[in-house]
Amino acid sequence: MAVAMVTTAVQQTPTVDEPVYVGAAAVYLHEHSLEINPEHPPLGKLVIAVGVAAAAPHFDASFTGTQQRVGQHLLYGSGNDPWRLMFWARLPVIVLTLLFGLVAFAFARDLAGPAAGLVALGMYAFSPDVIAHGSLATLDAPAAGFLLTSVWLLWRARQRPRRCLPAAGAALGAALATKASSLPAVPVLVVLAAVSVWHACGTHGRRERLLRAAGGALVVAVTAVAVVWATYLVVDPRLRWSPEQPVPVVHGLRGLLVRLLPLPRAYRDGLRMQFAFENQPWQGFLFGRLYTGSLWYYLPAALLVKTPLGMLALWVAGVVALTVRRLRAAAPYLLLPTGVLLAAAMTGSRDLGTRYALFVPVFLAVAAGCATVLRRRWAPAVTAGLVLCVAVSSLRAFPYYLPYSNEAFGGPARTHLRLHDSNVDWGQDLGRLAHRLRERHPGERVWLVYKGSGVPSAYGIRAANPLGVPADDVHGLLVVSDSALAKARGRLAALVAGLRPVDEVGHSITVFRR
């Protein structure tokens, strides 16, 4: 897994969101300001800041602009090497993702023994989605890993509540301080904390058990809130907050909940911004259909496409195993947070990728390990065979993990026919495109429709925009990001009509010749 993530981190150019987070990390280090990327809490960007500090890039404090422009200026306009800076920014997330793999191993081992731990670790380490997003300077993998760590510690609190409950609260707070989308898990984990303490106090009277359970839940909640506050204080001890743009007003139940949260004002305003994003008309793409709005079944369908077939089978087997008496008590710890978070994500308006449900392969890796308790003669051999199938499928995709899809849907080369955006093409292959043009198409006229945050000229790509000139003038190589191709209408659709691809790059960029 380390080899896969480091390789992709070295080869991939910045994805759409990464310059924003890297730019915010640099602002945290140099200006201690919360004003860049306020819609997300700071902790994930503080993790990225460790790598940015190690890279020691030149930071131009005089530059002003949007958060996207700040990040692009740091990478491409300040005399820094974008390859080096992006690798260092990604490295702390890679390390953290690897450590969360050990949590998955330990959790499954605690539930069902060493064999279960190894199966869980295999599911985690070979998961294309976890590898893909764990190798980027983004927030999805850290948030999912912190949630898993919190739930694991809550399970261990059934035996050692005093030691594990504060740590579980700290991990929950870390998840909240990384992505606000972790909030739906809070009531579930608080209840699980009470359940763990109730179990741990089995010899006490009913009233005392209730009081201790309530106290345990309170410890987790208060610790989580304290961690969120501490994260903001690390960025700016004075908690200065003056948003550069008006904060949207949120009405109804959502507005009430935001006002009641005992969290910094900057956090609550970030939530309001996220709710405003949810009200925008986003375009989705699923199984060749382009639509505006969202489909409630989008995430389950996308997970079906982007999860190895053997992993899907082991997920089902693991869920079945959790109904066995020996593991029945663990079922709420694994399935309730996953189900609640998935249900919340399915109500979102942005059908942009399985990264919004990255907690599913993370949590269900542990559930898959529990399949080892099924008492059938053929179970060990079948489990080993399925793990091997997952490994082969994952290794075949190397190093193209963002566009992965399983063999039933044609593999990574055909993912763009069914999904778009961060499922396939998130702007990661600009560097590979530059290499391909030099290697196979030297001297040819290039027209580029690129969907991403990279700057083509920084990688030696000299290309014109085909959408800004008459169609009859577009002759030569027409290079189109697959996300743009999925949404092609009007002018772009007319340009590619009747053309057959002559090349492809990274399973995310298609090359035509006109």
Protein backbone atom coordinates (compact mmCIF):
# COMPACT_ATOMS: atom_id res chain seq x y z
CA MET A 1 0.00 0.00 0.00
CA ALA A 2 2.84 2.37 0.81
CA VAL A 3 4.47 1.66 -2.55
CA ALA A 4 1.18 2.22 -4.38
CA MET A 5 0.42 5.50 -2.62
CA VAL A 6 3.92 6.93 -2.91
CA THR A 7 4.05 5.99 -6.60
CA THR A 8 0.77 7.71 -7.37
CA ALA A 9 1.75 10.71 -5.24
CA VAL A 10 4.95 11.10 -7.26
CA GLN A 11 3.28 10.67 -10.66
CA GLN A 12 0.05 12.64 -10.28
CA THR A 13 -0.31 16.38 -10.74
CA PRO A 14 -2.62 18.34 -8.41
CA THR A 15 -6.26 17.29 -8.36
CA VAL A 16 -9.06 19.86 -8.29
CA ASP A 17 -9.18 20.35 -4.51
CA GLU A 18 -5.53 19.91 -3.56
CA PRO A 19 -4.22 23.42 -4.38
CA VAL A 20 -6.92 24.86 -2.10
CA TYR A 21 -5.83 22.72 0.85
CA VAL A 22 -2.12 23.21 0.19
CA GLY A 23 -2.63 26.96 -0.11
CA ALA A 24 -4.65 26.99 3.12
CA ALA A 25 -1.90 25.00 4.85
CA ALA A 26 0.69 27.59 3.78
CA VAL A 27 -1.54 30.43 5.00
CA TYR A 28 -1.92 28.65 8.36
CA LEU A 29 1.86 28.42 8.66
CA HIS A 30 2.70 31.96 7.62
CA GLU A 31 -0.31 34.11 8.48
CA HIS A 32 -2.24 32.10 11.12
CA SER A 33 -5.46 33.04 9.36
CA LEU A 34 -8.68 31.03 9.15
CA GLU A 35 -9.99 32.92 6.12
CA ILE A 36 -8.78 30.48 3.43
CA ASN A 37 -11.09 27.50 2.82
CA PRO A 38 -13.33 28.24 5.84
CA GLU A 39 -15.96 25.74 4.70
CA HIS A 40 -13.74 22.93 5.99
CA PRO A 41 -12.29 22.72 9.53
CA PRO A 42 -8.51 23.08 9.90
CA LEU A 43 -7.15 19.73 11.15
CA GLY A 44 -6.74 17.98 7.79
CA LYS A 45 -5.00 21.05 6.42
CA LEU A 46 -2.77 21.17 9.49
CA VAL A 47 -1.73 17.59 8.68
CA ILE A 48 -0.91 18.72 5.14
CA ALA A 49 0.92 21.71 6.63
CA VAL A 50 3.48 19.33 8.17
CA GLY A 51 4.57 18.36 4.67
CA VAL A 52 4.36 21.92 3.38
CA ALA A 53 6.61 23.07 6.23
CA ALA A 54 9.11 20.33 5.37
CA ALA A 55 9.13 21.45 1.73
CA ALA A 56 9.73 25.07 2.87
CA PRO A 57 8.26 26.71 -0.25
CA HIS A 58 8.48 30.42 -0.97
CA PHE A 59 5.24 32.03 0.18
CA ASP A 60 4.07 35.31 -1.36
CA ALA A 61 2.11 37.01 1.41
CA SER A 62 1.21 39.93 -0.86
CA PHE A 63 -0.84 37.80 -3.25
CA THR A 64 -4.61 38.09 -2.92
CA GLY A 65 -7.37 36.18 -4.65
CA THR A 66 -9.76 33.29 -4.26
CA GLN A 67 -8.68 30.20 -2.34
CA GLN A 68 -8.17 28.38 -5.64
CA ARG A 69 -5.97 31.18 -6.96
CA VAL A 70 -3.94 31.31 -3.73
CA GLY A 71 -3.12 27.62 -4.06
CA GLN A 72 -2.29 27.87 -7.75
CA HIS A 73 -0.05 30.88 -7.13
CA LEU A 74 1.84 28.97 -4.44
CA LEU A 75 2.38 26.01 -6.78
CA TYR A 76 3.01 27.79 -10.06
CA GLY A 77 3.55 31.50 -9.49
CA SER A 78 5.98 31.72 -6.60
CA GLY A 79 9.06 30.01 -8.00
CA ASN A 80 8.34 26.68 -6.28
CA ASP A 81 8.67 23.22 -7.81
CA PRO A 82 5.07 21.95 -7.98
CA TRP A 83 6.16 18.29 -8.16
CA ARG A 84 8.25 18.54 -5.00
CA LEU A 85 5.74 20.63 -3.07
CA MET A 86 2.82 18.35 -3.90
CA PHE A 87 4.76 15.23 -2.89
CA TRP A 88 5.66 16.69 0.50
CA ALA A 89 2.09 17.92 1.03
CA ARG A 90 0.74 14.43 0.30
CA LEU A 91 3.28 12.55 2.43
CA PRO A 92 1.69 13.19 5.87
CA VAL A 93 -1.68 11.99 4.56
CA ILE A 94 -0.01 8.84 3.22
CA VAL A 95 1.58 8.14 6.61
CA LEU A 96 -1.71 8.74 8.39
CA THR A 97 -3.57 6.45 5.98
CA LEU A 98 -1.05 3.67 6.63
CA LEU A 99 -1.49 4.07 10.39
CA PHE A 100 -5.26 3.79 10.02
CA GLY A 101 -4.64 0.45 8.31
CA LEU A 102 -3.12 -0.76 11.57
CA VAL A 103 -6.29 0.39 13.35
CA ALA A 104 -8.38 -1.72 10.95
CA PHE A 105 -6.10 -4.69 11.68
CA ALA A 106 -6.29 -4.20 15.45
CA PHE A 107 -10.07 -3.70 15.45
CA ALA A 108 -10.75 -6.91 13.49
CA ARG A 109 -8.21 -8.83 15.59
CA ASP A 110 -9.96 -7.72 18.76
CA LEU A 111 -13.28 -8.90 17.35
CA ALA A 112 -12.36 -12.24 15.80
CA GLY A 113 -8.67 -13.02 16.16
CA PRO A 114 -5.44 -12.62 14.16
CA ALA A 115 -6.79 -14.17 10.93
CA ALA A 116 -9.61 -11.64 10.93
CA GLY A 117 -7.09 -8.86 11.44
CA LEU A 118 -5.08 -9.98 8.42
CA VAL A 119 -8.17 -10.19 6.19
CA ALA A 120 -9.27 -6.71 7.32
CA LEU A 121 -5.79 -5.34 6.67
CA GLY A 122 -5.82 -6.94 3.21
CA MET A 123 -9.19 -5.35 2.38
CA TYR A 124 -7.96 -1.98 3.58
CA ALA A 125 -4.51 -2.11 1.97
CA PHE A 126 -5.78 -3.25 -1.44
CA SER A 127 -8.82 -0.96 -1.55
CA PRO A 128 -8.44 1.16 -4.71
CA ASP A 129 -10.51 3.98 -3.23
CA VAL A 130 -8.46 4.12 -0.02
CA ILE A 131 -5.18 4.02 -1.97
CA ALA A 132 -6.41 6.69 -4.39
CA HIS A 133 -7.54 9.20 -1.78
CA GLY A 134 -4.98 8.27 0.85
CA SER A 135 -2.26 9.39 -1.59
CA LEU A 136 -3.72 12.89 -2.06
CA ALA A 137 -3.43 16.03 0.04
CA THR A 138 -7.18 15.98 0.73
CA LEU A 139 -9.44 15.43 3.73
CA ASP A 140 -11.48 12.31 2.96
CA ALA A 141 -9.02 9.60 4.08
CA PRO A 142 -8.07 11.34 7.37
CA ALA A 143 -11.72 11.92 8.31
CA ALA A 144 -12.69 8.29 7.65
CA GLY A 145 -9.65 7.01 9.55
CA PHE A 146 -10.28 9.16 12.61
CA LEU A 147 -13.89 7.91 12.73
CA LEU A 148 -12.72 4.29 12.54
CA THR A 149 -10.22 4.93 15.33
CA SER A 150 -12.94 6.43 17.52
CA VAL A 151 -15.26 3.46 17.03
CA TRP A 152 -12.44 0.98 17.71
CA LEU A 153 -11.62 2.74 20.97
CA LEU A 154 -15.31 2.73 21.93
CA TRP A 155 -15.33 -1.03 21.43
CA ARG A 156 -12.26 -1.38 23.63
CA ALA A 157 -13.98 0.82 26.23
CA ARG A 158 -16.27 -2.13 26.97
CA GLN A 159 -13.30 -3.49 28.92
CA ARG A 160 -11.32 -0.35 29.84
CA PRO A 161 -13.65 2.67 29.78
CA ARG A 162 -11.45 5.05 31.76
CA ARG A 163 -8.52 4.60 29.44
CA CYS A 164 -10.36 4.41 26.11
CA LEU A 165 -13.26 6.87 26.34
CA PRO A 166 -11.17 10.10 26.36
CA ALA A 167 -9.10 8.76 23.46
CA ALA A 168 -12.28 7.85 21.55
CA GLY A 169 -13.58 11.38 22.13
CA ALA A 170 -10.29 12.82 20.88
CA ALA A 171 -10.46 10.72 17.72
CA LEU A 172 -14.08 11.77 17.15
CA GLY A 173 -13.06 15.39 17.64
CA ALA A 174 -10.26 14.90 15.11
CA ALA A 175 -12.79 13.62 12.57
CA LEU A 176 -15.07 16.61 13.22
CA ALA A 177 -12.08 18.96 12.96
CA THR A 178 -11.19 17.44 9.57
CA LYS A 179 -14.58 17.31 7.80
CA ALA A 180 -17.93 18.55 9.04
CA SER A 181 -19.58 15.68 7.16
CA SER A 182 -18.59 13.58 10.20
CA LEU A 183 -21.26 15.32 12.29
CA PRO A 184 -24.04 12.75 11.62
CA ALA A 185 -21.87 10.15 13.36
CA VAL A 186 -21.74 12.13 16.63
CA PRO A 187 -25.08 10.98 18.16
CA VAL A 188 -24.34 7.39 17.12
CA LEU A 189 -20.90 7.39 18.72
CA VAL A 190 -22.14 9.11 21.87
CA VAL A 191 -24.79 6.40 22.28
CA LEU A 192 -22.17 3.71 21.63
CA ALA A 193 -20.02 5.28 24.36
CA ALA A 194 -22.93 4.90 26.78
CA VAL A 195 -23.45 1.28 25.65
CA SER A 196 -19.77 0.50 26.22
CA VAL A 197 -19.81 1.91 29.75
CA TRP A 198 -23.07 0.11 30.52
CA HIS A 199 -21.42 -3.15 29.49
CA ALA A 200 -18.26 -2.40 31.46
CA CYS A 201 -20.29 -1.80 34.66
CA GLY A 202 -22.19 -5.07 34.48
CA THR A 203 -21.86 -5.84 38.21
CA HIS A 204 -23.26 -2.51 39.42
CA GLY A 205 -26.86 -1.57 40.07
CA ARG A 206 -29.11 -0.27 37.32
CA ARG A 207 -29.12 3.35 38.48
CA GLU A 208 -25.34 3.47 38.87
CA ARG A 209 -24.90 1.89 35.44
CA LEU A 210 -27.17 4.53 33.92
CA LEU A 211 -25.26 7.35 35.59
CA ARG A 212 -21.90 5.97 34.53
CA ALA A 213 -23.15 5.39 30.98
CA ALA A 214 -24.37 8.99 30.78
CA GLY A 215 -21.05 10.16 32.18
CA GLY A 216 -19.13 8.15 29.60
CA ALA A 217 -21.19 9.64 26.78
CA LEU A 218 -20.55 13.10 28.20
CA VAL A 219 -16.79 12.47 28.36
CA VAL A 220 -16.72 11.53 24.67
CA ALA A 221 -18.84 14.53 23.62
CA VAL A 222 -16.92 17.08 25.71
CA THR A 223 -13.54 15.74 24.60
CA ALA A 224 -14.59 15.88 20.94
CA VAL A 225 -15.74 19.49 21.30
CA ALA A 226 -12.49 20.40 23.08
CA VAL A 227 -10.40 18.91 20.27
CA VAL A 228 -12.28 20.97 17.65
CA TRP A 229 -11.71 24.16 19.66
CA ALA A 230 -8.03 23.27 20.13
CA THR A 231 -7.59 22.78 16.39
CA TYR A 232 -8.85 26.28 15.65
CA LEU A 233 -6.68 27.71 18.44
CA VAL A 234 -3.60 26.06 16.93
CA VAL A 235 -4.20 27.98 13.70
CA ASP A 236 -5.00 31.28 15.41
CA PRO A 237 -4.81 31.56 19.22
CA ARG A 238 -6.93 34.72 19.01
CA LEU A 239 -9.62 33.05 16.89
CA ARG A 240 -9.90 36.02 14.58
CA TRP A 241 -12.68 35.43 12.11
CA SER A 242 -13.81 37.97 9.53
CA PRO A 243 -15.06 36.11 6.44
CA GLU A 244 -14.12 37.67 3.11
CA GLN A 245 -17.58 37.02 1.68
CA PRO A 246 -21.05 37.13 3.25
CA VAL A 247 -21.92 33.96 5.16
CA PRO A 248 -25.16 32.41 3.86
CA VAL A 249 -28.16 32.48 6.15
CA VAL A 250 -29.50 29.00 6.95
CA HIS A 251 -33.11 28.70 8.08
CA GLY A 252 -35.23 25.92 9.52
CA LEU A 253 -33.96 22.90 11.44
CA ARG A 254 -30.51 23.11 9.87
CA GLY A 255 -30.14 26.71 10.97
CA LEU A 256 -31.23 25.86 14.50
CA LEU A 257 -28.78 22.97 14.75
CA VAL A 258 -25.91 25.15 13.51
CA ARG A 259 -26.70 27.83 16.08
CA LEU A 260 -26.82 25.27 18.92
CA LEU A 261 -23.46 23.65 18.15
CA PRO A 262 -20.95 24.43 20.93
CA LEU A 263 -18.19 24.97 18.37
CA PRO A 264 -16.21 28.02 17.15
CA ARG A 265 -18.06 30.57 15.07
CA ALA A 266 -15.75 29.86 12.13
CA TYR A 267 -16.83 26.19 12.24
CA ARG A 268 -20.51 27.08 12.31
CA ASP A 269 -20.10 29.58 9.46
CA GLY A 270 -18.26 26.90 7.48
CA LEU A 271 -21.28 24.65 7.95
CA ARG A 272 -23.53 27.40 6.62
CA MET A 273 -21.33 27.63 3.52
CA GLN A 274 -21.58 23.88 3.02
CA PHE A 275 -25.38 24.04 3.25
CA ALA A 276 -25.31 26.82 0.64
CA PHE A 277 -23.26 24.55 -1.65
CA GLU A 278 -25.94 21.91 -1.22
CA ASN A 279 -28.52 24.33 -2.60
CA GLN A 280 -26.63 24.80 -5.88
CA PRO A 281 -27.60 22.84 -9.02
CA TRP A 282 -24.73 20.35 -9.45
CA GLN A 283 -24.41 18.09 -12.48
CA GLY A 284 -24.07 14.34 -12.01
CA PHE A 285 -23.12 11.55 -14.40
CA LEU A 286 -24.07 7.92 -13.82
CA PHE A 287 -24.05 5.02 -16.31
CA GLY A 288 -23.84 7.43 -19.25
CA ARG A 289 -26.64 9.70 -18.06
CA LEU A 290 -25.92 13.39 -17.47
CA TYR A 291 -28.36 15.01 -15.07
CA THR A 292 -28.78 18.08 -12.88
CA GLY A 293 -29.45 17.53 -9.20
CA SER A 294 -28.79 14.30 -7.33
CA LEU A 295 -29.89 10.67 -7.36
CA TRP A 296 -30.46 9.04 -3.98
CA TYR A 297 -28.89 5.79 -5.21
CA TYR A 298 -25.81 7.42 -6.75
CA LEU A 299 -23.32 6.48 -4.02
CA PRO A 300 -24.39 2.81 -3.71
CA ALA A 301 -24.23 2.51 -7.51
CA ALA A 302 -20.81 4.18 -7.68
CA LEU A 303 -19.49 1.94 -4.89
CA LEU A 304 -20.75 -1.09 -6.81
CA VAL A 305 -18.69 0.02 -9.82
CA LYS A 306 -15.56 1.02 -7.94
CA THR A 307 -15.21 -1.80 -5.41
CA PRO A 308 -13.37 -5.03 -6.32
CA LEU A 309 -15.78 -7.95 -6.75
CA GLY A 310 -14.04 -10.07 -4.13
CA MET A 311 -14.28 -7.19 -1.68
CA LEU A 312 -18.02 -6.86 -2.27
CA ALA A 313 -18.42 -10.58 -1.54
CA LEU A 314 -16.38 -10.33 1.67
CA TRP A 315 -18.38 -7.30 2.80
CA VAL A 316 -21.57 -9.34 2.50
CA ALA A 317 -19.97 -12.30 4.29
CA GLY A 318 -18.70 -10.01 7.05
CA VAL A 319 -22.14 -8.49 7.62
CA VAL A 320 -23.61 -12.00 7.82
CA ALA A 321 -20.89 -12.96 10.30
CA LEU A 322 -21.87 -10.05 12.53
CA THR A 323 -25.20 -11.79 13.14
CA VAL A 324 -23.38 -14.72 14.77
CA ARG A 325 -23.84 -14.71 18.53
CA ARG A 326 -20.15 -14.26 19.18
CA LEU A 327 -20.04 -11.00 17.18
CA ARG A 328 -23.59 -9.71 17.59
CA ALA A 329 -22.53 -7.09 20.12
CA ALA A 330 -20.05 -5.64 17.61
CA ALA A 331 -22.60 -5.18 14.82
CA PRO A 332 -23.85 -1.75 16.01
CA TYR A 333 -20.28 -0.46 16.31
CA LEU A 334 -19.46 -1.29 12.70
CA LEU A 335 -22.78 -1.03 10.89
CA LEU A 336 -24.59 1.85 12.62
CA PRO A 337 -21.96 4.56 11.95
CA THR A 338 -21.51 3.30 8.39
CA GLY A 339 -25.25 3.24 7.72
CA VAL A 340 -25.95 6.65 9.24
CA LEU A 341 -23.06 8.33 7.44
CA LEU A 342 -24.00 6.70 4.13
CA ALA A 343 -27.64 7.73 4.52
CA ALA A 344 -26.55 11.30 5.22
CA ALA A 345 -24.18 11.32 2.24
CA MET A 346 -26.93 9.95 -0.04
CA THR A 347 -29.08 12.98 0.74
CA GLY A 348 -26.36 15.35 -0.51
CA SER A 349 -26.68 17.22 -3.78
CA ARG A 350 -23.13 16.60 -5.05
CA ASP A 351 -22.89 13.34 -6.98
CA LEU A 352 -19.18 13.81 -7.55
CA GLY A 353 -17.49 10.65 -6.32
CA THR A 354 -17.18 7.79 -3.87
CA ARG A 355 -14.82 9.96 -1.81
CA TYR A 356 -17.96 11.22 -0.08
CA ALA A 357 -18.44 7.64 1.19
CA LEU A 358 -14.80 6.64 1.79
CA PHE A 359 -15.78 5.49 5.27
CA VAL A 360 -17.61 2.54 3.66
CA PRO A 361 -14.50 0.61 2.51
CA VAL A 362 -12.69 1.66 5.69
CA PHE A 363 -15.36 0.34 8.11
CA LEU A 364 -16.39 -2.65 6.03
CA ALA A 365 -12.78 -3.81 5.80
CA VAL A 366 -13.13 -4.64 9.51
CA ALA A 367 -16.50 -6.31 8.89
CA ALA A 368 -14.93 -8.37 6.08
CA GLY A 369 -12.34 -9.68 8.52
CA CYS A 370 -15.16 -11.04 10.67
CA ALA A 371 -16.05 -13.45 7.85
CA THR A 372 -13.33 -15.72 9.26
CA VAL A 373 -15.66 -16.78 12.11
CA LEU A 374 -18.12 -18.48 9.73
CA ARG A 375 -17.93 -22.19 10.53
CA ARG A 376 -17.97 -23.95 7.20
CA ARG A 377 -15.34 -26.31 5.84
CA TRP A 378 -15.00 -24.29 2.68
CA ALA A 379 -14.99 -20.87 4.40
CA PRO A 380 -11.19 -20.47 4.93
CA ALA A 381 -10.37 -21.43 1.34
CA VAL A 382 -13.08 -19.20 -0.10
CA THR A 383 -12.02 -16.27 2.09
CA ALA A 384 -8.39 -16.66 1.03
CA GLY A 385 -9.45 -16.91 -2.61
CA LEU A 386 -11.51 -13.72 -2.37
CA VAL A 387 -8.64 -11.83 -0.71
CA LEU A 388 -6.38 -12.99 -3.55
CA CYS A 389 -8.92 -11.80 -6.14
CA VAL A 390 -9.01 -8.37 -4.49
CA ALA A 391 -5.23 -8.19 -4.46
CA VAL A 392 -4.97 -9.13 -8.15
CA SER A 393 -7.65 -6.63 -9.17
CA SER A 394 -5.98 -3.86 -7.19
CA LEU A 395 -2.49 -4.65 -8.48
CA ARG A 396 -3.75 -4.72 -12.08
CA ALA A 397 -4.96 -1.14 -11.64
CA PHE A 398 -1.53 0.10 -10.49
CA PRO A 399 -0.84 3.03 -10.58
CA TYR A 400 -4.22 4.30 -11.86
CA TYR A 401 -6.38 4.06 -8.74
CA LEU A 402 -8.62 7.12 -9.11
CA PRO A 403 -10.25 5.75 -12.29
CA TYR A 404 -10.53 2.20 -10.93
CA SER A 405 -13.63 0.12 -11.62
CA ASN A 406 -14.00 -3.61 -11.17
CA GLU A 407 -13.90 -6.20 -13.92
CA ALA A 408 -17.68 -6.49 -14.18
CA PHE A 409 -17.73 -2.89 -15.42
CA GLY A 410 -14.74 -3.14 -17.73
CA GLY A 411 -11.91 -2.03 -15.46
CA PRO A 412 -10.25 1.41 -15.21
CA ALA A 413 -10.22 1.98 -18.98
CA ARG A 414 -14.03 2.08 -19.10
CA THR A 415 -14.91 3.87 -15.87
CA HIS A 416 -15.38 7.16 -17.74
CA LEU A 417 -18.35 5.65 -19.56
CA ARG A 418 -20.24 5.30 -16.27
CA LEU A 419 -18.89 7.89 -13.81
CA HIS A 420 -17.10 11.23 -13.81
CA ASP A 421 -15.27 13.76 -11.61
CA SER A 422 -13.20 12.30 -8.74
CA ASN A 423 -14.29 8.78 -9.69
CA VAL A 424 -12.24 9.02 -12.87
CA ASP A 425 -10.75 12.35 -13.81
CA TRP A 426 -9.93 14.86 -11.10
CA GLY A 427 -7.23 16.66 -13.07
CA GLN A 428 -4.51 14.25 -11.89
CA ASP A 429 -2.92 13.36 -15.23
CA LEU A 430 -1.60 16.65 -16.60
CA GLY A 431 2.00 15.55 -16.03
CA ARG A 432 1.39 12.21 -17.71
CA LEU A 433 -0.20 14.04 -20.64
CA ALA A 434 2.89 16.21 -21.03
CA HIS A 435 5.08 13.11 -21.13
CA ARG A 436 2.79 11.38 -23.65
CA LEU A 437 2.75 14.39 -25.99
CA ARG A 438 6.55 14.58 -25.96
CA GLU A 439 6.91 10.83 -26.45
CA ARG A 440 4.28 10.03 -29.07
CA HIS A 441 3.10 13.31 -30.57
CA PRO A 442 6.08 15.67 -30.79
CA GLY A 443 5.53 18.84 -32.77
CA GLU A 444 1.78 18.35 -33.28
CA ARG A 445 -0.73 21.15 -32.78
CA VAL A 446 -2.56 20.58 -29.47
CA TRP A 447 -6.01 21.79 -28.46
CA LEU A 448 -6.86 21.16 -24.82
CA VAL A 449 -10.08 21.03 -22.79
CA TYR A 450 -8.73 20.34 -19.31
CA LYS A 451 -10.81 19.95 -16.16
CA GLY A 452 -8.55 20.50 -13.19
CA SER A 453 -6.42 22.88 -11.12
CA GLY A 454 -3.07 22.30 -12.79
CA VAL A 455 -1.47 24.82 -15.14
CA PRO A 456 -0.64 23.06 -18.44
CA SER A 457 2.21 25.41 -19.37
CA ALA A 458 3.99 24.58 -16.10
CA TYR A 459 4.45 21.04 -17.42
CA GLY A 460 5.55 22.10 -20.90
CA ILE A 461 2.15 21.68 -22.58
CA ARG A 462 1.58 24.32 -25.24
CA ALA A 463 -2.07 24.11 -26.13
CA ALA A 464 -4.93 26.36 -27.21
CA ASN A 465 -8.56 26.37 -26.16
CA PRO A 466 -10.69 24.88 -28.95
CA LEU A 467 -13.85 26.41 -27.52
CA GLY A 468 -12.64 29.94 -28.21
CA VAL A 469 -12.15 29.71 -31.97
CA PRO A 470 -14.30 28.65 -34.95
CA ALA A 471 -14.63 24.86 -35.22
CA ASP A 472 -13.06 24.88 -38.71
CA ASP A 473 -9.82 26.18 -37.19
CA VAL A 474 -9.45 23.23 -34.80
CA HIS A 475 -7.01 20.89 -36.55
CA GLY A 476 -4.51 18.56 -34.87
CA LEU A 477 -4.77 16.80 -31.53
CA LEU A 478 -7.92 17.50 -29.54
CA VAL A 479 -7.22 16.52 -25.92
CA VAL A 480 -10.23 16.36 -23.59
CA SER A 481 -10.50 15.51 -19.89
CA ASP A 482 -12.98 12.67 -19.46
CA SER A 483 -14.99 14.67 -16.91
CA ALA A 484 -15.48 17.37 -19.55
CA LEU A 485 -16.26 14.71 -22.12
CA ALA A 486 -18.94 13.17 -19.88
CA LYS A 487 -20.70 16.54 -19.70
CA ALA A 488 -20.03 17.54 -23.33
CA ARG A 489 -22.88 19.52 -24.79
CA GLY A 490 -23.09 22.21 -27.45
CA ARG A 491 -19.71 23.30 -28.81
CA LEU A 492 -17.55 20.55 -27.29
CA ALA A 493 -20.02 17.84 -28.33
CA ALA A 494 -19.92 19.16 -31.88
CA LEU A 495 -16.10 19.16 -31.90
CA VAL A 496 -15.82 15.49 -30.86
CA ALA A 497 -18.81 14.24 -32.86
CA GLY A 498 -17.78 11.44 -35.18
CA LEU A 499 -14.19 11.34 -33.89
CA ARG A 500 -12.54 8.18 -32.64
CA PRO A 501 -9.91 8.28 -29.90
CA VAL A 502 -6.32 7.91 -31.05
CA ASP A 503 -4.83 7.77 -27.55
CA GLU A 504 -5.69 7.98 -23.85
CA VAL A 505 -3.71 9.08 -20.80
CA GLY A 506 -4.13 7.60 -17.34
CA HIS A 507 -7.67 6.43 -18.17
CA SER A 508 -8.75 10.03 -17.49
CA ILE A 509 -7.84 12.00 -20.62
CA THR A 510 -8.88 11.13 -24.18
CA VAL A 511 -6.96 12.23 -27.28
CA PHE A 512 -8.69 12.72 -30.65
CA ARG A 513 -7.31 13.90 -33.99
CA ARG A 514 -9.18 16.41 -36.14
